[in-house]
Amino acid sequence: MATQEKNKQVENKEKRKVSYPLTKINFILMGICLLLIVIGFWLMTGSANVGDKFNNDLFESSRVTTGPIIAFLGFVLMAFAIIYRKKDNNDEDNA
Protein backbone atom coordinates (compact mmCIF):
# COMPACT_ATOMS: atom_id res chain seq x y z
CA MET A 1 0.00 0.00 0.00
CA ALA A 2 2.76 2.44 0.94
CA THR A 3 4.71 1.57 -2.20
CA GLN A 4 1.68 2.31 -4.39
CA GLU A 5 1.29 5.75 -2.83
CA LYS A 6 4.99 6.40 -3.27
CA ASN A 7 4.79 5.36 -6.92
CA LYS A 8 1.81 7.71 -7.44
CA GLN A 9 3.75 10.59 -5.89
CA VAL A 10 6.72 9.94 -8.17
CA GLU A 11 4.42 9.79 -11.22
CA ASN A 12 2.73 13.06 -10.20
CA LYS A 13 6.08 14.80 -9.87
CA GLU A 14 7.09 13.61 -13.33
CA LYS A 15 3.81 14.82 -14.88
CA ARG A 16 4.03 18.31 -13.38
CA LYS A 17 5.39 20.94 -15.71
CA VAL A 18 7.44 23.69 -14.08
CA SER A 19 6.07 27.08 -15.05
CA TYR A 20 8.04 30.21 -14.27
CA PRO A 21 6.32 33.59 -14.08
CA LEU A 22 8.76 35.24 -16.50
CA THR A 23 9.94 33.63 -19.71
CA LYS A 24 12.79 34.33 -22.09
CA ILE A 25 10.69 36.73 -24.16
CA ASN A 26 9.89 38.76 -21.02
CA PHE A 27 13.58 39.23 -20.29
CA ILE A 28 14.30 40.21 -23.90
CA LEU A 29 11.50 42.79 -23.83
CA MET A 30 12.69 44.13 -20.47
CA GLY A 31 16.21 44.49 -21.87
CA ILE A 32 14.89 46.48 -24.84
CA CYS A 33 12.90 48.71 -22.47
CA LEU A 34 15.95 49.26 -20.29
CA LEU A 35 17.89 50.26 -23.39
CA LEU A 36 15.14 52.77 -24.28
CA ILE A 37 15.32 54.26 -20.78
CA VAL A 38 19.11 54.62 -20.96
CA ILE A 39 18.92 56.20 -24.42
CA GLY A 40 16.25 58.63 -23.19
CA PHE A 41 18.36 59.72 -20.24
CA TRP A 42 21.46 59.95 -22.45
CA LEU A 43 19.59 62.30 -24.81
CA MET A 44 18.73 64.54 -21.85
CA THR A 45 22.36 64.98 -20.79
CA GLY A 46 24.48 67.95 -21.72
CA SER A 47 26.40 70.86 -20.35
CA ALA A 48 24.84 73.39 -18.01
CA ASN A 49 25.26 77.14 -17.71
CA VAL A 50 28.79 78.08 -16.81
CA GLY A 51 29.29 81.37 -15.00
CA ASP A 52 27.60 84.37 -16.60
CA LYS A 53 27.45 82.80 -20.05
CA PHE A 54 24.01 81.43 -21.00
CA ASN A 55 24.00 78.05 -22.72
CA ASN A 56 21.38 77.89 -25.50
CA ASP A 57 21.82 74.11 -25.72
CA LEU A 58 19.59 73.80 -22.66
CA PHE A 59 16.54 74.10 -24.89
CA GLU A 60 17.45 71.66 -27.66
CA SER A 61 14.56 69.49 -28.77
CA SER A 62 16.46 66.29 -27.94
CA ARG A 63 16.95 67.40 -24.33
CA VAL A 64 13.50 68.84 -23.74
CA THR A 65 11.19 66.65 -25.82
CA THR A 66 12.74 63.59 -27.45
CA GLY A 67 14.73 62.30 -24.46
CA PRO A 68 11.87 62.44 -21.94
CA ILE A 69 9.42 60.86 -24.40
CA ILE A 70 11.76 57.94 -25.12
CA ALA A 71 12.50 57.41 -21.41
CA PHE A 72 8.78 57.56 -20.56
CA LEU A 73 7.98 55.02 -23.30
CA GLY A 74 10.68 52.77 -21.85
CA PHE A 75 9.06 52.90 -18.42
CA VAL A 76 5.54 52.30 -19.76
CA LEU A 77 6.62 49.45 -22.02
CA MET A 78 8.55 47.90 -19.10
CA ALA A 79 5.23 47.25 -17.36
CA PHE A 80 3.94 45.63 -20.55
CA ALA A 81 7.12 43.53 -20.84
CA ILE A 82 6.66 42.20 -17.31
CA ILE A 83 3.01 41.18 -17.70
CA TYR A 84 3.30 39.91 -21.29
CA ARG A 85 2.45 36.22 -21.68
CA LYS A 86 2.70 34.37 -24.96
CA LYS A 87 -0.49 32.65 -26.03
CA ASP A 88 -0.15 28.88 -25.84
CA ASN A 89 -2.53 26.55 -27.68
CA ASN A 90 -1.92 23.78 -25.14
CA ASP A 91 -3.59 25.84 -22.38
CA GLU A 92 -6.85 25.95 -24.34
CA ASP A 93 -6.87 22.18 -24.84
CA ASN A 94 -6.43 21.52 -21.12
CA ALA A 95 -9.22 23.85 -20.03
PDB file of N, CA and C in Angstrom:
ATOM      1  N   MET A   1       0.822  -1.186   0.000  1.00  0.00           N
ATOM      2  CA  MET A   1       0.000   0.000   0.000  1.00  0.00           C
ATOM      3  C   MET A   1       0.867   1.252   0.000  1.00  0.00           C
ATOM      4  N   ALA A   2       1.878   1.273   0.854  1.00  0.00           N
ATOM      5  CA  ALA A   2       2.756   2.441   0.936  1.00  0.00           C
ATOM      6  C   ALA A   2       3.565   2.597  -0.346  1.00  0.00           C
ATOM      7  N   THR A   3       3.923   1.485  -0.956  1.00  0.00           N
ATOM      8  CA  THR A   3       4.709   1.572  -2.200  1.00  0.00           C
ATOM      9  C   THR A   3       3.862   2.112  -3.343  1.00  0.00           C
ATOM     10  N   GLN A   4       2.557   1.782  -3.342  1.00  0.00           N
ATOM     11  CA  GLN A   4       1.680   2.313  -4.391  1.00  0.00           C
ATOM     12  C   GLN A   4       1.541   3.830  -4.267  1.00  0.00           C
ATOM     13  N   GLU A   5       1.401   4.304  -3.038  1.00  0.00           N
ATOM     14  CA  GLU A   5       1.289   5.748  -2.825  1.00  0.00           C
ATOM     15  C   GLU A   5       2.587   6.443  -3.215  1.00  0.00           C
ATOM     16  N   LYS A   6       3.697   5.828  -2.916  1.00  0.00           N
ATOM     17  CA  LYS A   6       4.994   6.399  -3.268  1.00  0.00           C
ATOM     18  C   LYS A   6       5.147   6.444  -4.789  1.00  0.00           C
ATOM     19  N   ASN A   7       4.719   5.385  -5.467  1.00  0.00           N
ATOM     20  CA  ASN A   7       4.786   5.363  -6.924  1.00  0.00           C
ATOM     21  C   ASN A   7       3.900   6.449  -7.535  1.00  0.00           C
ATOM     22  N   LYS A   8       2.713   6.665  -6.946  1.00  0.00           N
ATOM     23  CA  LYS A   8       1.812   7.711  -7.442  1.00  0.00           C
ATOM     24  C   LYS A   8       2.440   9.095  -7.265  1.00  0.00           C
ATOM     25  N   GLN A   9       3.105   9.298  -6.130  1.00  0.00           N
ATOM     26  CA  GLN A   9       3.751  10.586  -5.886  1.00  0.00           C
ATOM     27  C   GLN A   9       4.874  10.830  -6.891  1.00  0.00           C
ATOM     28  N   VAL A  10       5.633   9.813  -7.198  1.00  0.00           N
ATOM     29  CA  VAL A  10       6.722   9.936  -8.170  1.00  0.00           C
ATOM     30  C   VAL A  10       6.153  10.231  -9.551  1.00  0.00           C
ATOM     31  N   GLU A  11       5.060   9.555  -9.924  1.00  0.00           N
ATOM     32  CA  GLU A  11       4.421   9.791 -11.219  1.00  0.00           C
ATOM     33  C   GLU A  11       3.868  11.215 -11.304  1.00  0.00           C
ATOM     34  N   ASN A  12       3.273  11.701 -10.216  1.00  0.00           N
ATOM     35  CA  ASN A  12       2.727  13.059 -10.196  1.00  0.00           C
ATOM     36  C   ASN A  12       3.835  14.096 -10.361  1.00  0.00           C
ATOM     37  N   LYS A  13       4.974  13.863  -9.740  1.00  0.00           N
ATOM     38  CA  LYS A  13       6.079  14.798  -9.865  1.00  0.00           C
ATOM     39  C   LYS A  13       6.597  14.825 -11.304  1.00  0.00           C
ATOM     40  N   GLU A  14       6.613  13.677 -11.953  1.00  0.00           N
ATOM     41  CA  GLU A  14       7.089  13.608 -13.332  1.00  0.00           C
ATOM     42  C   GLU A  14       6.112  14.291 -14.291  1.00  0.00           C
ATOM     43  N   LYS A  15       4.821  14.239 -13.999  1.00  0.00           N
ATOM     44  CA  LYS A  15       3.811  14.822 -14.878  1.00  0.00           C
ATOM     45  C   LYS A  15       3.753  16.344 -14.762  1.00  0.00           C
ATOM     46  N   ARG A  16       4.109  16.872 -13.599  1.00  0.00           N
ATOM     47  CA  ARG A  16       4.031  18.313 -13.384  1.00  0.00           C
ATOM     48  C   ARG A  16       5.018  19.042 -14.289  1.00  0.00           C
ATOM     49  N   LYS A  17       4.539  20.108 -14.874  1.00  0.00           N
ATOM     50  CA  LYS A  17       5.389  20.942 -15.711  1.00  0.00           C
ATOM     51  C   LYS A  17       5.730  22.194 -14.914  1.00  0.00           C
ATOM     52  N   VAL A  18       7.013  22.513 -14.823  1.00  0.00           N
ATOM     53  CA  VAL A  18       7.436  23.689 -14.079  1.00  0.00           C
ATOM     54  C   VAL A  18       7.150  24.921 -14.926  1.00  0.00           C
ATOM     55  N   SER A  19       6.426  25.851 -14.345  1.00  0.00           N
ATOM     56  CA  SER A  19       6.068  27.077 -15.053  1.00  0.00           C
ATOM     57  C   SER A  19       6.608  28.265 -14.271  1.00  0.00           C
ATOM     58  N   TYR A  20       7.476  29.036 -14.903  1.00  0.00           N
ATOM     59  CA  TYR A  20       8.044  30.210 -14.266  1.00  0.00           C
ATOM     60  C   TYR A  20       7.223  31.434 -14.654  1.00  0.00           C
ATOM     61  N   PRO A  21       7.150  32.421 -13.780  1.00  0.00           N
ATOM     62  CA  PRO A  21       6.320  33.588 -14.085  1.00  0.00           C
ATOM     63  C   PRO A  21       6.856  34.426 -15.250  1.00  0.00           C
ATOM     64  N   LEU A  22       8.167  34.487 -15.408  1.00  0.00           N
ATOM     65  CA  LEU A  22       8.764  35.238 -16.505  1.00  0.00           C
ATOM     66  C   LEU A  22       9.502  34.287 -17.436  1.00  0.00           C
ATOM     67  N   THR A  23       9.298  34.482 -18.726  1.00  0.00           N
ATOM     68  CA  THR A  23       9.944  33.625 -19.711  1.00  0.00           C
ATOM     69  C   THR A  23      11.057  34.395 -20.409  1.00  0.00           C
ATOM     70  N   LYS A  24      11.672  33.729 -21.355  1.00  0.00           N
ATOM     71  CA  LYS A  24      12.787  34.328 -22.086  1.00  0.00           C
ATOM     72  C   LYS A  24      12.355  35.590 -22.823  1.00  0.00           C
ATOM     73  N   ILE A  25      11.177  35.569 -23.414  1.00  0.00           N
ATOM     74  CA  ILE A  25      10.693  36.730 -24.161  1.00  0.00           C
ATOM     75  C   ILE A  25      10.474  37.921 -23.229  1.00  0.00           C
ATOM     76  N   ASN A  26      10.057  37.678 -21.981  1.00  0.00           N
ATOM     77  CA  ASN A  26       9.890  38.760 -21.017  1.00  0.00           C
ATOM     78  C   ASN A  26      11.231  39.451 -20.742  1.00  0.00           C
ATOM     79  N   PHE A  27      12.273  38.655 -20.571  1.00  0.00           N
ATOM     80  CA  PHE A  27      13.583  39.232 -20.289  1.00  0.00           C
ATOM     81  C   PHE A  27      14.132  39.990 -21.498  1.00  0.00           C
ATOM     82  N   ILE A  28      13.863  39.503 -22.690  1.00  0.00           N
ATOM     83  CA  ILE A  28      14.298  40.212 -23.896  1.00  0.00           C
ATOM     84  C   ILE A  28      13.581  41.552 -23.998  1.00  0.00           C
ATOM     85  N   LEU A  29      12.263  41.545 -23.785  1.00  0.00           N
ATOM     86  CA  LEU A  29      11.496  42.788 -23.832  1.00  0.00           C
ATOM     87  C   LEU A  29      11.938  43.764 -22.743  1.00  0.00           C
ATOM     88  N   MET A  30      12.230  43.258 -21.547  1.00  0.00           N
ATOM     89  CA  MET A  30      12.691  44.129 -20.474  1.00  0.00           C
ATOM     90  C   MET A  30      14.052  44.730 -20.798  1.00  0.00           C
ATOM     91  N   GLY A  31      14.914  43.961 -21.456  1.00  0.00           N
ATOM     92  CA  GLY A  31      16.212  44.488 -21.872  1.00  0.00           C
ATOM     93  C   GLY A  31      16.067  45.608 -22.891  1.00  0.00           C
ATOM     94  N   ILE A  32      15.151  45.437 -23.841  1.00  0.00           N
ATOM     95  CA  ILE A  32      14.891  46.477 -24.839  1.00  0.00           C
ATOM     96  C   ILE A  32      14.356  47.735 -24.154  1.00  0.00           C
ATOM     97  N   CYS A  33      13.456  47.564 -23.195  1.00  0.00           N
ATOM     98  CA  CYS A  33      12.901  48.710 -22.469  1.00  0.00           C
ATOM     99  C   CYS A  33      13.983  49.421 -21.656  1.00  0.00           C
ATOM    100  N   LEU A  34      14.856  48.661 -21.039  1.00  0.00           N
ATOM    101  CA  LEU A  34      15.950  49.262 -20.286  1.00  0.00           C
ATOM    102  C   LEU A  34      16.857  50.061 -21.215  1.00  0.00           C
ATOM    103  N   LEU A  35      17.093  49.544 -22.401  1.00  0.00           N
ATOM    104  CA  LEU A  35      17.894  50.264 -23.389  1.00  0.00           C
ATOM    105  C   LEU A  35      17.200  51.572 -23.796  1.00  0.00           C
ATOM    106  N   LEU A  36      15.889  51.540 -23.966  1.00  0.00           N
ATOM    107  CA  LEU A  36      15.140  52.766 -24.275  1.00  0.00           C
ATOM    108  C   LEU A  36      15.269  53.797 -23.154  1.00  0.00           C
ATOM    109  N   ILE A  37      15.204  53.347 -21.923  1.00  0.00           N
ATOM    110  CA  ILE A  37      15.321  54.255 -20.784  1.00  0.00           C
ATOM    111  C   ILE A  37      16.711  54.894 -20.760  1.00  0.00           C
ATOM    112  N   VAL A  38      17.734  54.097 -20.963  1.00  0.00           N
ATOM    113  CA  VAL A  38      19.110  54.615 -20.961  1.00  0.00           C
ATOM    114  C   VAL A  38      19.305  55.604 -22.104  1.00  0.00           C
ATOM    115  N   ILE A  39      18.802  55.284 -23.286  1.00  0.00           N
ATOM    116  CA  ILE A  39      18.924  56.200 -24.424  1.00  0.00           C
ATOM    117  C   ILE A  39      18.189  57.514 -24.134  1.00  0.00           C
ATOM    118  N   GLY A  40      17.008  57.424 -23.545  1.00  0.00           N
ATOM    119  CA  GLY A  40      16.253  58.627 -23.194  1.00  0.00           C
ATOM    120  C   GLY A  40      17.011  59.519 -22.224  1.00  0.00           C
ATOM    121  N   PHE A  41      17.592  58.923 -21.189  1.00  0.00           N
ATOM    122  CA  PHE A  41      18.362  59.722 -20.239  1.00  0.00           C
ATOM    123  C   PHE A  41      19.642  60.258 -20.873  1.00  0.00           C
ATOM    124  N   TRP A  42      20.248  59.490 -21.763  1.00  0.00           N
ATOM    125  CA  TRP A  42      21.456  59.952 -22.446  1.00  0.00           C
ATOM    126  C   TRP A  42      21.149  61.165 -23.326  1.00  0.00           C
ATOM    127  N   LEU A  43      19.976  61.152 -23.987  1.00  0.00           N
ATOM    128  CA  LEU A  43      19.589  62.296 -24.812  1.00  0.00           C
ATOM    129  C   LEU A  43      19.338  63.549 -23.977  1.00  0.00           C
ATOM    130  N   MET A  44      18.992  63.394 -22.704  1.00  0.00           N
ATOM    131  CA  MET A  44      18.728  64.540 -21.847  1.00  0.00           C
ATOM    132  C   MET A  44      19.995  65.137 -21.245  1.00  0.00           C
ATOM    133  N   THR A  45      21.131  64.471 -21.391  1.00  0.00           N
ATOM    134  CA  THR A  45      22.360  64.981 -20.793  1.00  0.00           C
ATOM    135  C   THR A  45      22.939  66.112 -21.629  1.00  0.00           C
ATOM    136  N   GLY A  46      23.806  66.856 -21.033  1.00  0.00           N
ATOM    137  CA  GLY A  46      24.485  67.952 -21.716  1.00  0.00           C
ATOM    138  C   GLY A  46      25.085  68.905 -20.705  1.00  0.00           C
ATOM    139  N   SER A  47      25.748  69.906 -21.236  1.00  0.00           N
ATOM    140  CA  SER A  47      26.405  70.856 -20.349  1.00  0.00           C
ATOM    141  C   SER A  47      25.385  71.856 -19.801  1.00  0.00           C
ATOM    142  N   ALA A  48      25.708  72.420 -18.658  1.00  0.00           N
ATOM    143  CA  ALA A  48      24.835  73.393 -18.011  1.00  0.00           C
ATOM    144  C   ALA A  48      25.389  74.793 -18.244  1.00  0.00           C
ATOM    145  N   ASN A  49      24.737  75.770 -17.647  1.00  0.00           N
ATOM    146  CA  ASN A  49      25.257  77.137 -17.708  1.00  0.00           C
ATOM    147  C   ASN A  49      26.543  77.221 -16.912  1.00  0.00           C
ATOM    148  N   VAL A  50      27.510  77.922 -17.489  1.00  0.00           N
ATOM    149  CA  VAL A  50      28.788  78.079 -16.807  1.00  0.00           C
ATOM    150  C   VAL A  50      29.012  79.568 -16.577  1.00  0.00           C
ATOM    151  N   GLY A  51      29.062  79.960 -15.333  1.00  0.00           N
ATOM    152  CA  GLY A  51      29.292  81.365 -15.001  1.00  0.00           C
ATOM    153  C   GLY A  51      28.175  82.259 -15.502  1.00  0.00           C
ATOM    154  N   ASP A  52      28.578  83.400 -16.101  1.00  0.00           N
ATOM    155  CA  ASP A  52      27.600  84.370 -16.596  1.00  0.00           C
ATOM    156  C   ASP A  52      27.146  84.065 -18.010  1.00  0.00           C
ATOM    157  N   LYS A  53      27.784  83.124 -18.651  1.00  0.00           N
ATOM    158  CA  LYS A  53      27.448  82.803 -20.047  1.00  0.00           C
ATOM    159  C   LYS A  53      26.245  81.863 -20.090  1.00  0.00           C
ATOM    160  N   PHE A  54      25.219  82.251 -20.870  1.00  0.00           N
ATOM    161  CA  PHE A  54      24.012  81.430 -20.999  1.00  0.00           C
ATOM    162  C   PHE A  54      24.223  80.382 -22.077  1.00  0.00           C
ATOM    163  N   ASN A  55      23.828  79.163 -21.785  1.00  0.00           N
ATOM    164  CA  ASN A  55      24.001  78.055 -22.718  1.00  0.00           C
ATOM    165  C   ASN A  55      22.666  77.805 -23.434  1.00  0.00           C
ATOM    166  N   ASN A  56      22.607  78.096 -24.730  1.00  0.00           N
ATOM    167  CA  ASN A  56      21.376  77.890 -25.495  1.00  0.00           C
ATOM    168  C   ASN A  56      21.068  76.411 -25.739  1.00  0.00           C
ATOM    169  N   ASP A  57      22.043  75.546 -25.515  1.00  0.00           N
ATOM    170  CA  ASP A  57      21.822  74.106 -25.716  1.00  0.00           C
ATOM    171  C   ASP A  57      20.855  73.523 -24.695  1.00  0.00           C
ATOM    172  N   LEU A  58      20.531  74.291 -23.662  1.00  0.00           N
ATOM    173  CA  LEU A  58      19.585  73.799 -22.656  1.00  0.00           C
ATOM    174  C   LEU A  58      18.211  73.522 -23.252  1.00  0.00           C
ATOM    175  N   PHE A  59      17.876  74.209 -24.331  1.00  0.00           N
ATOM    176  CA  PHE A  59      16.541  74.104 -24.894  1.00  0.00           C
ATOM    177  C   PHE A  59      16.522  73.374 -26.231  1.00  0.00           C
ATOM    178  N   GLU A  60      17.481  72.499 -26.453  1.00  0.00           N
ATOM    179  CA  GLU A  60      17.452  71.664 -27.657  1.00  0.00           C
ATOM    180  C   GLU A  60      16.265  70.720 -27.583  1.00  0.00           C
ATOM    181  N   SER A  61      15.746  70.368 -28.754  1.00  0.00           N
ATOM    182  CA  SER A  61      14.565  69.490 -28.766  1.00  0.00           C
ATOM    183  C   SER A  61      14.889  68.092 -28.237  1.00  0.00           C
ATOM    184  N   SER A  62      16.121  67.628 -28.434  1.00  0.00           N
ATOM    185  CA  SER A  62      16.464  66.287 -27.942  1.00  0.00           C
ATOM    186  C   SER A  62      16.517  66.247 -26.420  1.00  0.00           C
ATOM    187  N   ARG A  63      16.875  67.367 -25.790  1.00  0.00           N
ATOM    188  CA  ARG A  63      16.953  67.401 -24.330  1.00  0.00           C
ATOM    189  C   ARG A  63      15.609  67.657 -23.682  1.00  0.00           C
ATOM    190  N   VAL A  64      14.759  68.419 -24.351  1.00  0.00           N
ATOM    191  CA  VAL A  64      13.504  68.844 -23.740  1.00  0.00           C
ATOM    192  C   VAL A  64      12.345  67.934 -24.118  1.00  0.00           C
ATOM    193  N   THR A  65      12.347  67.403 -25.349  1.00  0.00           N
ATOM    194  CA  THR A  65      11.191  66.649 -25.823  1.00  0.00           C
ATOM    195  C   THR A  65      11.513  65.185 -26.106  1.00  0.00           C
ATOM    196  N   THR A  66      12.472  64.951 -26.977  1.00  0.00           N
ATOM    197  CA  THR A  66      12.741  63.590 -27.448  1.00  0.00           C
ATOM    198  C   THR A  66      13.219  62.671 -26.329  1.00  0.00           C
ATOM    199  N   GLY A  67      14.189  63.120 -25.547  1.00  0.00           N
ATOM    200  CA  GLY A  67      14.728  62.300 -24.462  1.00  0.00           C
ATOM    201  C   GLY A  67      13.680  61.881 -23.445  1.00  0.00           C
ATOM    202  N   PRO A  68      12.904  62.836 -22.909  1.00  0.00           N
ATOM    203  CA  PRO A  68      11.870  62.443 -21.942  1.00  0.00           C
ATOM    204  C   PRO A  68      10.801  61.515 -22.525  1.00  0.00           C
ATOM    205  N   ILE A  69      10.432  61.730 -23.789  1.00  0.00           N
ATOM    206  CA  ILE A  69       9.420  60.858 -24.400  1.00  0.00           C
ATOM    207  C   ILE A  69       9.946  59.433 -24.525  1.00  0.00           C
ATOM    208  N   ILE A  70      11.188  59.282 -24.969  1.00  0.00           N
ATOM    209  CA  ILE A  70      11.763  57.939 -25.125  1.00  0.00           C
ATOM    210  C   ILE A  70      11.905  57.260 -23.765  1.00  0.00           C
ATOM    211  N   ALA A  71      12.367  57.993 -22.752  1.00  0.00           N
ATOM    212  CA  ALA A  71      12.500  57.410 -21.413  1.00  0.00           C
ATOM    213  C   ALA A  71      11.139  57.014 -20.856  1.00  0.00           C
ATOM    214  N   PHE A  72      10.128  57.869 -21.046  1.00  0.00           N
ATOM    215  CA  PHE A  72       8.776  57.560 -20.559  1.00  0.00           C
ATOM    216  C   PHE A  72       8.222  56.317 -21.255  1.00  0.00           C
ATOM    217  N   LEU A  73       8.422  56.216 -22.572  1.00  0.00           N
ATOM    218  CA  LEU A  73       7.979  55.020 -23.298  1.00  0.00           C
ATOM    219  C   LEU A  73       8.684  53.773 -22.770  1.00  0.00           C
ATOM    220  N   GLY A  74       9.963  53.905 -22.429  1.00  0.00           N
ATOM    221  CA  GLY A  74      10.685  52.773 -21.854  1.00  0.00           C
ATOM    222  C   GLY A  74      10.061  52.304 -20.552  1.00  0.00           C
ATOM    223  N   PHE A  75       9.679  53.264 -19.695  1.00  0.00           N
ATOM    224  CA  PHE A  75       9.056  52.898 -18.418  1.00  0.00           C
ATOM    225  C   PHE A  75       7.674  52.269 -18.622  1.00  0.00           C
ATOM    226  N   VAL A  76       6.892  52.829 -19.523  1.00  0.00           N
ATOM    227  CA  VAL A  76       5.541  52.297 -19.760  1.00  0.00           C
ATOM    228  C   VAL A  76       5.619  50.908 -20.384  1.00  0.00           C
ATOM    229  N   LEU A  77       6.496  50.747 -21.365  1.00  0.00           N
ATOM    230  CA  LEU A  77       6.624  49.445 -22.019  1.00  0.00           C
ATOM    231  C   LEU A  77       7.241  48.398 -21.094  1.00  0.00           C
ATOM    232  N   MET A  78       7.985  48.845 -20.072  1.00  0.00           N
ATOM    233  CA  MET A  78       8.548  47.902 -19.104  1.00  0.00           C
ATOM    234  C   MET A  78       7.418  47.176 -18.368  1.00  0.00           C
ATOM    235  N   ALA A  79       6.377  47.897 -18.028  1.00  0.00           N
ATOM    236  CA  ALA A  79       5.228  47.253 -17.365  1.00  0.00           C
ATOM    237  C   ALA A  79       4.600  46.228 -18.304  1.00  0.00           C
ATOM    238  N   PHE A  80       4.470  46.572 -19.572  1.00  0.00           N
ATOM    239  CA  PHE A  80       3.937  45.626 -20.547  1.00  0.00           C
ATOM    240  C   PHE A  80       4.850  44.411 -20.682  1.00  0.00           C
ATOM    241  N   ALA A  81       6.160  44.636 -20.686  1.00  0.00           N
ATOM    242  CA  ALA A  81       7.117  43.533 -20.841  1.00  0.00           C
ATOM    243  C   ALA A  81       7.037  42.563 -19.662  1.00  0.00           C
ATOM    244  N   ILE A  82       6.738  43.072 -18.488  1.00  0.00           N
ATOM    245  CA  ILE A  82       6.659  42.204 -17.310  1.00  0.00           C
ATOM    246  C   ILE A  82       5.393  41.354 -17.337  1.00  0.00           C
ATOM    247  N   ILE A  83       4.264  41.929 -17.754  1.00  0.00           N
ATOM    248  CA  ILE A  83       3.006  41.178 -17.702  1.00  0.00           C
ATOM    249  C   ILE A  83       2.712  40.421 -18.987  1.00  0.00           C
ATOM    250  N   TYR A  84       3.544  40.579 -20.020  1.00  0.00           N
ATOM    251  CA  TYR A  84       3.301  39.908 -21.294  1.00  0.00           C
ATOM    252  C   TYR A  84       3.395  38.393 -21.123  1.00  0.00           C
ATOM    253  N   ARG A  85       2.435  37.682 -21.698  1.00  0.00           N
ATOM    254  CA  ARG A  85       2.450  36.222 -21.677  1.00  0.00           C
ATOM    255  C   ARG A  85       2.080  35.741 -23.069  1.00  0.00           C
ATOM    256  N   LYS A  86       2.925  34.899 -23.622  1.00  0.00           N
ATOM    257  CA  LYS A  86       2.700  34.365 -24.956  1.00  0.00           C
ATOM    258  C   LYS A  86       1.507  33.420 -24.938  1.00  0.00           C
ATOM    259  N   LYS A  87       0.654  33.546 -25.940  1.00  0.00           N
ATOM    260  CA  LYS A  87      -0.493  32.650 -26.029  1.00  0.00           C
ATOM    261  C   LYS A  87      -0.001  31.253 -26.357  1.00  0.00           C
ATOM    262  N   ASP A  88      -0.550  30.270 -25.643  1.00  0.00           N
ATOM    263  CA  ASP A  88      -0.153  28.881 -25.842  1.00  0.00           C
ATOM    264  C   ASP A  88      -1.396  28.067 -26.161  1.00  0.00           C
ATOM    265  N   ASN A  89      -1.373  27.349 -27.266  1.00  0.00           N
ATOM    266  CA  ASN A  89      -2.528  26.551 -27.680  1.00  0.00           C
ATOM    267  C   ASN A  89      -2.778  25.380 -26.736  1.00  0.00           C
ATOM    268  N   ASN A  90      -1.748  24.908 -26.041  1.00  0.00           N
ATOM    269  CA  ASN A  90      -1.924  23.780 -25.135  1.00  0.00           C
ATOM    270  C   ASN A  90      -2.791  24.144 -23.943  1.00  0.00           C
ATOM    271  N   ASP A  91      -2.764  25.423 -23.522  1.00  0.00           N
ATOM    272  CA  ASP A  91      -3.586  25.840 -22.378  1.00  0.00           C
ATOM    273  C   ASP A  91      -5.067  25.740 -22.722  1.00  0.00           C
ATOM    274  N   GLU A  92      -5.440  26.032 -23.956  1.00  0.00           N
ATOM    275  CA  GLU A  92      -6.849  25.954 -24.344  1.00  0.00           C
ATOM    276  C   GLU A  92      -7.338  24.503 -24.378  1.00  0.00           C
ATOM    277  N   ASP A  93      -6.477  23.583 -24.769  1.00  0.00           N
ATOM    278  CA  ASP A  93      -6.868  22.178 -24.838  1.00  0.00           C
ATOM    279  C   ASP A  93      -7.093  21.599 -23.444  1.00  0.00           C
ATOM    280  N   ASN A  94      -6.310  22.052 -22.466  1.00  0.00           N
ATOM    281  CA  ASN A  94      -6.429  21.518 -21.119  1.00  0.00           C
ATOM    282  C   ASN A  94      -7.625  22.069 -20.369  1.00  0.00           C
ATOM    283  N   ALA A  95      -8.105  23.221 -20.760  1.00  0.00           N
ATOM    284  CA  ALA A  95      -9.218  23.847 -20.032  1.00  0.00           C
ATOM    285  C   ALA A  95     -10.542  23.254 -20.398  1.00  0.00           C
TER     286      ALA A  95
END
